[in-house]
Amino acid sequence: MTVATQPREAKRRYVSNDDETCRMFSNDLFERLSHVHPAVPHLIFLPVITVMFVMATRAGQTPGQMALLFLGGALFWSLLEYVIHRFVFHPPQWVEEETRAVTGSLEPGAAVIPALPTWRHKFYFLVHGVHHDYPNDSRRLVMPPSVSIPLAVVFYVLFTWAIGPLTPAAFAGLVGGYLVYDTTHYLTHHSAGKTALGRYQKKRHFRHHYYDSTRNFGVSSPLWDLIWGTQGRSGR
């Protein structure tokens, strides 16, 4: 994204727009674990999807049943993606602005997390603020396995409790939706948008980053933004 295509107020909404990052932690191990290649989620979770379909087949489910359960799990993921992004990842605007001010004021190589004033600022930067301050950092665009794997276990247990033997195919859909999200997010930031769909996706997601972070929360789909009235209009 060149300066010519950025909105007039873009510099207020990120620290760096290049494919670079900051140091998050003082601890070297934590810092290394916070950098994740975008292929890692696929290497971990594509085999999980395969295992889920094998389990569903052995449980006697038909291809049609598995397809419906998979789509249901993917739809549930899209809602989960929206809810987490809107209500967990984004605090009030003043927290975002204060966090960005601190991050932008640090010397190169200084750890950001210890420098933030409250746990609220630290939590925001840890789960999402680093992405908004360094939106094109290619090694912090996907969720670290140290977070995604425990969350996957939790949701598998919840699915088992809620829908019992229907879990494998539905959980495969949840995981598949997550992989679509990660892939879409990465390509939105690191692809030229050569298709009409890609250009539309880039436009609406970049509005979220560079114009108004209180709109366009859906990354893989605008569905829930449309339903809940948070879809940004043209020029916003």
C-alpha atoms as a PDB file:
ATOM      1  CA  MET A   1       0.000   0.000   0.000  1.00  0.00           C
ATOM      2  CA  THR A   2       1.661   3.250  -1.106  1.00  0.00           C
ATOM      3  CA  VAL A   3       1.344   6.612   0.579  1.00  0.00           C
ATOM      4  CA  ALA A   4      -0.663   7.885  -2.382  1.00  0.00           C
ATOM      5  CA  THR A   5      -3.461   5.396  -1.689  1.00  0.00           C
ATOM      6  CA  GLN A   6      -3.638   5.985   2.052  1.00  0.00           C
ATOM      7  CA  PRO A   7      -6.241   8.248   3.650  1.00  0.00           C
ATOM      8  CA  ARG A   8      -5.212  11.661   4.895  1.00  0.00           C
ATOM      9  CA  GLU A   9      -5.315  10.567   8.553  1.00  0.00           C
ATOM     10  CA  ALA A  10      -3.559   7.218   8.012  1.00  0.00           C
ATOM     11  CA  LYS A  11      -0.394   8.106   9.954  1.00  0.00           C
ATOM     12  CA  ARG A  12      -2.446   8.464  13.140  1.00  0.00           C
ATOM     13  CA  ARG A  13      -3.610   4.857  12.922  1.00  0.00           C
ATOM     14  CA  TYR A  14      -0.411   2.820  12.800  1.00  0.00           C
ATOM     15  CA  VAL A  15       3.225   3.010  13.845  1.00  0.00           C
ATOM     16  CA  SER A  16       4.715   1.388  10.736  1.00  0.00           C
ATOM     17  CA  ASN A  17       3.036   0.271   7.526  1.00  0.00           C
ATOM     18  CA  ASP A  18       6.052  -1.709   6.280  1.00  0.00           C
ATOM     19  CA  ASP A  19       6.605  -5.451   6.663  1.00  0.00           C
ATOM     20  CA  GLU A  20       8.430  -4.954   9.948  1.00  0.00           C
ATOM     21  CA  THR A  21       7.661  -5.287  13.610  1.00  0.00           C
ATOM     22  CA  CYS A  22       8.631  -4.263  17.121  1.00  0.00           C
ATOM     23  CA  ARG A  23       9.942  -6.174  20.077  1.00  0.00           C
ATOM     24  CA  MET A  24       6.978  -7.175  22.235  1.00  0.00           C
ATOM     25  CA  PHE A  25       8.615  -8.968  25.170  1.00  0.00           C
ATOM     26  CA  SER A  26      11.783  -8.607  27.219  1.00  0.00           C
ATOM     27  CA  ASN A  27      11.983 -12.401  27.456  1.00  0.00           C
ATOM     28  CA  ASP A  28      13.715 -13.851  24.376  1.00  0.00           C
ATOM     29  CA  LEU A  29      11.676 -17.073  24.376  1.00  0.00           C
ATOM     30  CA  PHE A  30       8.351 -15.250  24.524  1.00  0.00           C
ATOM     31  CA  GLU A  31       9.543 -12.948  21.778  1.00  0.00           C
ATOM     32  CA  ARG A  32      10.473 -15.857  19.480  1.00  0.00           C
ATOM     33  CA  LEU A  33       7.148 -17.582  20.112  1.00  0.00           C
ATOM     34  CA  SER A  34       5.257 -14.441  19.095  1.00  0.00           C
ATOM     35  CA  HIS A  35       6.594 -14.680  15.520  1.00  0.00           C
ATOM     36  CA  VAL A  36       4.680 -17.224  13.417  1.00  0.00           C
ATOM     37  CA  HIS A  37       5.062 -18.103   9.734  1.00  0.00           C
ATOM     38  CA  PRO A  38       1.629 -17.891   8.034  1.00  0.00           C
ATOM     39  CA  ALA A  39       1.878 -21.517   6.877  1.00  0.00           C
ATOM     40  CA  VAL A  40       2.027 -22.853  10.444  1.00  0.00           C
ATOM     41  CA  PRO A  41      -1.759 -22.949  11.125  1.00  0.00           C
ATOM     42  CA  HIS A  42      -2.287 -24.976   7.941  1.00  0.00           C
ATOM     43  CA  LEU A  43       0.448 -27.445   8.884  1.00  0.00           C
ATOM     44  CA  ILE A  44      -1.196 -27.938  12.268  1.00  0.00           C
ATOM     45  CA  PHE A  45      -4.906 -27.912  11.451  1.00  0.00           C
ATOM     46  CA  LEU A  46      -5.285 -29.471   7.982  1.00  0.00           C
ATOM     47  CA  PRO A  47      -4.396 -32.877   9.501  1.00  0.00           C
ATOM     48  CA  VAL A  48      -6.951 -32.178  12.252  1.00  0.00           C
ATOM     49  CA  ILE A  49      -9.667 -31.654   9.629  1.00  0.00           C
ATOM     50  CA  THR A  50      -8.683 -34.930   7.957  1.00  0.00           C
ATOM     51  CA  VAL A  51      -8.879 -36.811  11.257  1.00  0.00           C
ATOM     52  CA  MET A  52     -12.292 -35.280  11.981  1.00  0.00           C
ATOM     53  CA  PHE A  53     -13.684 -36.494   8.661  1.00  0.00           C
ATOM     54  CA  VAL A  54     -12.282 -39.979   9.270  1.00  0.00           C
ATOM     55  CA  MET A  55     -13.981 -40.020  12.682  1.00  0.00           C
ATOM     56  CA  ALA A  56     -17.277 -38.828  11.170  1.00  0.00           C
ATOM     57  CA  THR A  57     -17.098 -41.524   8.474  1.00  0.00           C
ATOM     58  CA  ARG A  58     -16.436 -44.240  11.040  1.00  0.00           C
ATOM     59  CA  ALA A  59     -19.423 -42.961  13.019  1.00  0.00           C
ATOM     60  CA  GLY A  60     -21.611 -43.759  10.025  1.00  0.00           C
ATOM     61  CA  GLN A  61     -22.381 -40.230   8.855  1.00  0.00           C
ATOM     62  CA  THR A  62     -23.198 -39.766   5.176  1.00  0.00           C
ATOM     63  CA  PRO A  63     -21.356 -37.272   2.947  1.00  0.00           C
ATOM     64  CA  GLY A  64     -24.468 -35.069   2.945  1.00  0.00           C
ATOM     65  CA  GLN A  65     -24.662 -35.049   6.726  1.00  0.00           C
ATOM     66  CA  MET A  66     -20.976 -34.261   7.025  1.00  0.00           C
ATOM     67  CA  ALA A  67     -21.288 -31.419   4.511  1.00  0.00           C
ATOM     68  CA  LEU A  68     -24.164 -29.829   6.445  1.00  0.00           C
ATOM     69  CA  LEU A  69     -22.327 -30.155   9.761  1.00  0.00           C
ATOM     70  CA  PHE A  70     -19.148 -28.763   8.207  1.00  0.00           C
ATOM     71  CA  LEU A  71     -21.034 -25.726   6.880  1.00  0.00           C
ATOM     72  CA  GLY A  72     -22.663 -25.247  10.282  1.00  0.00           C
ATOM     73  CA  GLY A  73     -19.265 -25.278  11.977  1.00  0.00           C
ATOM     74  CA  ALA A  74     -17.889 -22.804   9.437  1.00  0.00           C
ATOM     75  CA  LEU A  75     -20.867 -20.488   9.989  1.00  0.00           C
ATOM     76  CA  PHE A  76     -20.321 -20.696  13.734  1.00  0.00           C
ATOM     77  CA  TRP A  77     -16.674 -19.749  13.179  1.00  0.00           C
ATOM     78  CA  SER A  78     -17.703 -16.660  11.191  1.00  0.00           C
ATOM     79  CA  LEU A  79     -19.844 -15.514  14.120  1.00  0.00           C
ATOM     80  CA  LEU A  80     -17.079 -16.314  16.592  1.00  0.00           C
ATOM     81  CA  GLU A  81     -14.581 -14.379  14.455  1.00  0.00           C
ATOM     82  CA  TYR A  82     -16.850 -11.317  14.479  1.00  0.00           C
ATOM     83  CA  VAL A  83     -17.641 -11.447  18.199  1.00  0.00           C
ATOM     84  CA  ILE A  84     -14.011 -11.922  19.256  1.00  0.00           C
ATOM     85  CA  HIS A  85     -12.741  -9.233  16.912  1.00  0.00           C
ATOM     86  CA  ARG A  86     -15.361  -6.700  17.961  1.00  0.00           C
ATOM     87  CA  PHE A  87     -15.772  -7.320  21.682  1.00  0.00           C
ATOM     88  CA  VAL A  88     -12.455  -8.884  22.791  1.00  0.00           C
ATOM     89  CA  PHE A  89      -9.798  -7.518  20.451  1.00  0.00           C
ATOM     90  CA  HIS A  90     -10.980  -3.899  20.341  1.00  0.00           C
ATOM     91  CA  PRO A  91     -11.112  -1.800  23.517  1.00  0.00           C
ATOM     92  CA  PRO A  92     -12.366   1.818  23.652  1.00  0.00           C
ATOM     93  CA  GLN A  93     -10.639   4.148  21.196  1.00  0.00           C
ATOM     94  CA  TRP A  94      -8.634   5.909  23.903  1.00  0.00           C
ATOM     95  CA  VAL A  95      -6.915   2.640  24.824  1.00  0.00           C
ATOM     96  CA  GLU A  96      -5.923   2.106  21.174  1.00  0.00           C
ATOM     97  CA  GLU A  97      -4.655   5.676  20.872  1.00  0.00           C
ATOM     98  CA  GLU A  98      -2.681   5.643  24.127  1.00  0.00           C
ATOM     99  CA  THR A  99      -1.150   2.275  23.248  1.00  0.00           C
ATOM    100  CA  ARG A 100      -0.084   3.569  19.822  1.00  0.00           C
ATOM    101  CA  ALA A 101       1.407   6.699  21.366  1.00  0.00           C
ATOM    102  CA  VAL A 102       3.567   4.636  23.735  1.00  0.00           C
ATOM    103  CA  THR A 103       4.575   2.152  21.024  1.00  0.00           C
ATOM    104  CA  GLY A 104       5.569   4.918  18.623  1.00  0.00           C
ATOM    105  CA  SER A 105       7.636   6.726  21.240  1.00  0.00           C
ATOM    106  CA  LEU A 106       9.940   3.817  22.131  1.00  0.00           C
ATOM    107  CA  GLU A 107      13.500   3.443  20.920  1.00  0.00           C
ATOM    108  CA  PRO A 108      14.118   0.674  18.337  1.00  0.00           C
ATOM    109  CA  GLY A 109      14.532  -2.667  20.098  1.00  0.00           C
ATOM    110  CA  ALA A 110      12.741  -1.610  23.283  1.00  0.00           C
ATOM    111  CA  ALA A 111      10.096  -4.071  24.490  1.00  0.00           C
ATOM    112  CA  VAL A 112       6.573  -2.679  24.172  1.00  0.00           C
ATOM    113  CA  ILE A 113       4.613  -4.789  26.675  1.00  0.00           C
ATOM    114  CA  PRO A 114       6.611  -3.717  29.776  1.00  0.00           C
ATOM    115  CA  ALA A 115       6.334  -0.063  28.701  1.00  0.00           C
ATOM    116  CA  LEU A 116       2.534   0.024  28.550  1.00  0.00           C
ATOM    117  CA  PRO A 117       0.868   1.626  31.583  1.00  0.00           C
ATOM    118  CA  THR A 118      -1.949  -0.806  32.503  1.00  0.00           C
ATOM    119  CA  TRP A 119      -2.979  -4.429  32.010  1.00  0.00           C
ATOM    120  CA  ARG A 120      -5.744  -3.182  29.728  1.00  0.00           C
ATOM    121  CA  HIS A 121      -3.205  -1.619  27.381  1.00  0.00           C
ATOM    122  CA  LYS A 122      -0.958  -4.678  27.602  1.00  0.00           C
ATOM    123  CA  PHE A 123      -3.795  -7.103  26.842  1.00  0.00           C
ATOM    124  CA  TYR A 124      -4.965  -5.071  23.848  1.00  0.00           C
ATOM    125  CA  PHE A 125      -1.474  -4.836  22.379  1.00  0.00           C
ATOM    126  CA  LEU A 126      -0.799  -8.518  22.976  1.00  0.00           C
ATOM    127  CA  VAL A 127      -3.968  -9.857  21.339  1.00  0.00           C
ATOM    128  CA  HIS A 128      -4.497  -7.301  18.575  1.00  0.00           C
ATOM    129  CA  GLY A 129      -2.831  -3.922  19.028  1.00  0.00           C
ATOM    130  CA  VAL A 130       0.480  -5.089  17.594  1.00  0.00           C
ATOM    131  CA  HIS A 131      -1.351  -5.897  14.358  1.00  0.00           C
ATOM    132  CA  HIS A 132      -2.977  -2.475  14.166  1.00  0.00           C
ATOM    133  CA  ASP A 133       0.299  -0.699  14.917  1.00  0.00           C
ATOM    134  CA  TYR A 134       2.255  -2.912  12.478  1.00  0.00           C
ATOM    135  CA  PRO A 135      -0.503  -4.019  10.061  1.00  0.00           C
ATOM    136  CA  ASN A 136       1.797  -5.468   7.408  1.00  0.00           C
ATOM    137  CA  ASP A 137       4.049  -7.479   9.706  1.00  0.00           C
ATOM    138  CA  SER A 138       3.901 -10.864   7.940  1.00  0.00           C
ATOM    139  CA  ARG A 139       5.105 -12.829  11.000  1.00  0.00           C
ATOM    140  CA  ARG A 140       2.382 -11.618  13.356  1.00  0.00           C
ATOM    141  CA  LEU A 141      -0.668 -12.020  11.136  1.00  0.00           C
ATOM    142  CA  VAL A 142      -1.730 -15.455  12.400  1.00  0.00           C
ATOM    143  CA  MET A 143      -2.448 -16.765  15.868  1.00  0.00           C
ATOM    144  CA  PRO A 144       0.513 -18.433  17.615  1.00  0.00           C
ATOM    145  CA  PRO A 145       0.087 -22.207  18.168  1.00  0.00           C
ATOM    146  CA  SER A 146       0.554 -21.602  21.884  1.00  0.00           C
ATOM    147  CA  VAL A 147      -2.860 -19.890  21.756  1.00  0.00           C
ATOM    148  CA  SER A 148      -4.653 -21.592  18.848  1.00  0.00           C
ATOM    149  CA  ILE A 149      -4.072 -25.185  20.016  1.00  0.00           C
ATOM    150  CA  PRO A 150      -5.453 -24.709  23.565  1.00  0.00           C
ATOM    151  CA  LEU A 151      -8.424 -22.805  22.124  1.00  0.00           C
ATOM    152  CA  ALA A 152      -9.065 -25.625  19.649  1.00  0.00           C
ATOM    153  CA  VAL A 153      -9.073 -28.139  22.515  1.00  0.00           C
ATOM    154  CA  VAL A 154     -11.527 -25.996  24.481  1.00  0.00           C
ATOM    155  CA  PHE A 155     -13.932 -25.713  21.542  1.00  0.00           C
ATOM    156  CA  TYR A 156     -13.667 -29.418  20.775  1.00  0.00           C
ATOM    157  CA  VAL A 157     -14.691 -30.187  24.359  1.00  0.00           C
ATOM    158  CA  LEU A 158     -17.559 -27.679  24.144  1.00  0.00           C
ATOM    159  CA  PHE A 159     -18.747 -29.178  20.854  1.00  0.00           C
ATOM    160  CA  THR A 160     -18.615 -32.673  22.354  1.00  0.00           C
ATOM    161  CA  TRP A 161     -20.685 -31.513  25.318  1.00  0.00           C
ATOM    162  CA  ALA A 162     -23.221 -29.679  23.119  1.00  0.00           C
ATOM    163  CA  ILE A 163     -23.694 -31.961  20.092  1.00  0.00           C
ATOM    164  CA  GLY A 164     -22.036 -35.251  21.046  1.00  0.00           C
ATOM    165  CA  PRO A 165     -21.502 -37.605  18.078  1.00  0.00           C
ATOM    166  CA  LEU A 166     -22.048 -34.774  15.576  1.00  0.00           C
ATOM    167  CA  THR A 167     -18.873 -33.085  16.787  1.00  0.00           C
ATOM    168  CA  PRO A 168     -16.198 -34.279  14.306  1.00  0.00           C
ATOM    169  CA  ALA A 169     -17.676 -32.855  11.079  1.00  0.00           C
ATOM    170  CA  ALA A 170     -18.894 -29.668  12.777  1.00  0.00           C
ATOM    171  CA  PHE A 171     -15.505 -29.145  14.435  1.00  0.00           C
ATOM    172  CA  ALA A 172     -13.846 -29.678  11.055  1.00  0.00           C
ATOM    173  CA  GLY A 173     -15.996 -26.814   9.768  1.00  0.00           C
ATOM    174  CA  LEU A 174     -14.958 -24.592  12.671  1.00  0.00           C
ATOM    175  CA  VAL A 175     -11.287 -25.311  12.011  1.00  0.00           C
ATOM    176  CA  GLY A 176     -11.781 -24.894   8.260  1.00  0.00           C
ATOM    177  CA  GLY A 177     -13.395 -21.513   8.849  1.00  0.00           C
ATOM    178  CA  TYR A 178     -10.440 -20.493  10.982  1.00  0.00           C
ATOM    179  CA  LEU A 179      -8.001 -21.448   8.213  1.00  0.00           C
ATOM    180  CA  VAL A 180     -10.037 -19.466   5.664  1.00  0.00           C
ATOM    181  CA  TYR A 181      -9.855 -16.503   8.022  1.00  0.00           C
ATOM    182  CA  ASP A 182      -6.085 -16.737   8.425  1.00  0.00           C
ATOM    183  CA  THR A 183      -5.550 -17.182   4.684  1.00  0.00           C
ATOM    184  CA  THR A 184      -7.888 -14.327   3.776  1.00  0.00           C
ATOM    185  CA  HIS A 185      -6.269 -12.043   6.321  1.00  0.00           C
ATOM    186  CA  TYR A 186      -2.763 -12.774   5.093  1.00  0.00           C
ATOM    187  CA  LEU A 187      -3.665 -12.311   1.417  1.00  0.00           C
ATOM    188  CA  THR A 188      -5.527  -9.096   2.181  1.00  0.00           C
ATOM    189  CA  HIS A 189      -2.365  -7.574   3.601  1.00  0.00           C
ATOM    190  CA  HIS A 190       0.170  -9.226   1.292  1.00  0.00           C
ATOM    191  CA  SER A 191      -1.533  -9.662  -2.057  1.00  0.00           C
ATOM    192  CA  ALA A 192      -2.055  -7.054  -4.752  1.00  0.00           C
ATOM    193  CA  GLY A 193      -5.780  -7.798  -4.954  1.00  0.00           C
ATOM    194  CA  LYS A 194      -5.823  -8.975  -8.570  1.00  0.00           C
ATOM    195  CA  THR A 195      -9.433 -10.179  -8.497  1.00  0.00           C
ATOM    196  CA  ALA A 196     -12.618  -8.201  -7.913  1.00  0.00           C
ATOM    197  CA  LEU A 197     -13.263 -10.149  -4.712  1.00  0.00           C
ATOM    198  CA  GLY A 198      -9.711  -9.532  -3.523  1.00  0.00           C
ATOM    199  CA  ARG A 199      -9.988  -5.805  -4.188  1.00  0.00           C
ATOM    200  CA  TYR A 200     -13.313  -5.631  -2.360  1.00  0.00           C
ATOM    201  CA  GLN A 201     -11.892  -7.515   0.616  1.00  0.00           C
ATOM    202  CA  LYS A 202      -8.786  -5.333   0.738  1.00  0.00           C
ATOM    203  CA  LYS A 203     -10.864  -2.148   0.541  1.00  0.00           C
ATOM    204  CA  ARG A 204     -13.221  -3.037   3.394  1.00  0.00           C
ATOM    205  CA  HIS A 205     -10.489  -4.441   5.656  1.00  0.00           C
ATOM    206  CA  PHE A 206      -8.198  -1.466   5.065  1.00  0.00           C
ATOM    207  CA  ARG A 207     -11.065   0.833   6.031  1.00  0.00           C
ATOM    208  CA  HIS A 208     -11.033  -0.967   9.385  1.00  0.00           C
ATOM    209  CA  HIS A 209      -7.295  -0.349   9.735  1.00  0.00           C
ATOM    210  CA  TYR A 210      -6.872   3.118   8.296  1.00  0.00           C
ATOM    211  CA  TYR A 211     -10.228   4.898   8.678  1.00  0.00           C
ATOM    212  CA  ASP A 212     -12.408   3.482  11.441  1.00  0.00           C
ATOM    213  CA  SER A 213     -11.555   0.498  13.653  1.00  0.00           C
ATOM    214  CA  THR A 214     -15.138   0.422  14.997  1.00  0.00           C
ATOM    215  CA  ARG A 215     -16.463  -0.992  11.689  1.00  0.00           C
ATOM    216  CA  ASN A 216     -15.797  -3.907   9.314  1.00  0.00           C
ATOM    217  CA  PHE A 217     -14.927  -6.486  11.971  1.00  0.00           C
ATOM    218  CA  GLY A 218     -15.542  -9.493   9.738  1.00  0.00           C
ATOM    219  CA  VAL A 219     -12.369 -10.506   7.932  1.00  0.00           C
ATOM    220  CA  SER A 220     -13.397 -13.661   6.104  1.00  0.00           C
ATOM    221  CA  SER A 221     -16.988 -12.469   5.529  1.00  0.00           C
ATOM    222  CA  PRO A 222     -19.043  -9.245   5.815  1.00  0.00           C
ATOM    223  CA  LEU A 223     -22.098 -11.267   6.918  1.00  0.00           C
ATOM    224  CA  TRP A 224     -22.213 -10.307  10.595  1.00  0.00           C
ATOM    225  CA  ASP A 225     -21.229  -6.687   9.911  1.00  0.00           C
ATOM    226  CA  LEU A 226     -24.295  -6.481   7.678  1.00  0.00           C
ATOM    227  CA  ILE A 227     -26.516  -8.150  10.275  1.00  0.00           C
ATOM    228  CA  TRP A 228     -25.299  -6.051  13.218  1.00  0.00           C
ATOM    229  CA  GLY A 229     -24.948  -2.758  11.332  1.00  0.00           C
ATOM    230  CA  THR A 230     -21.175  -2.357  11.522  1.00  0.00           C
ATOM    231  CA  GLN A 231     -20.474  -2.510   7.797  1.00  0.00           C
ATOM    232  CA  GLY A 232     -18.535   0.637   6.834  1.00  0.00           C
ATOM    233  CA  ARG A 233     -19.949   2.802   4.081  1.00  0.00           C
ATOM    234  CA  SER A 234     -17.977   4.082   1.096  1.00  0.00           C
ATOM    235  CA  GLY A 235     -15.290   6.517   2.171  1.00  0.00           C
ATOM    236  CA  ARG A 236     -15.415   5.401   5.834  1.00  0.00           C
END
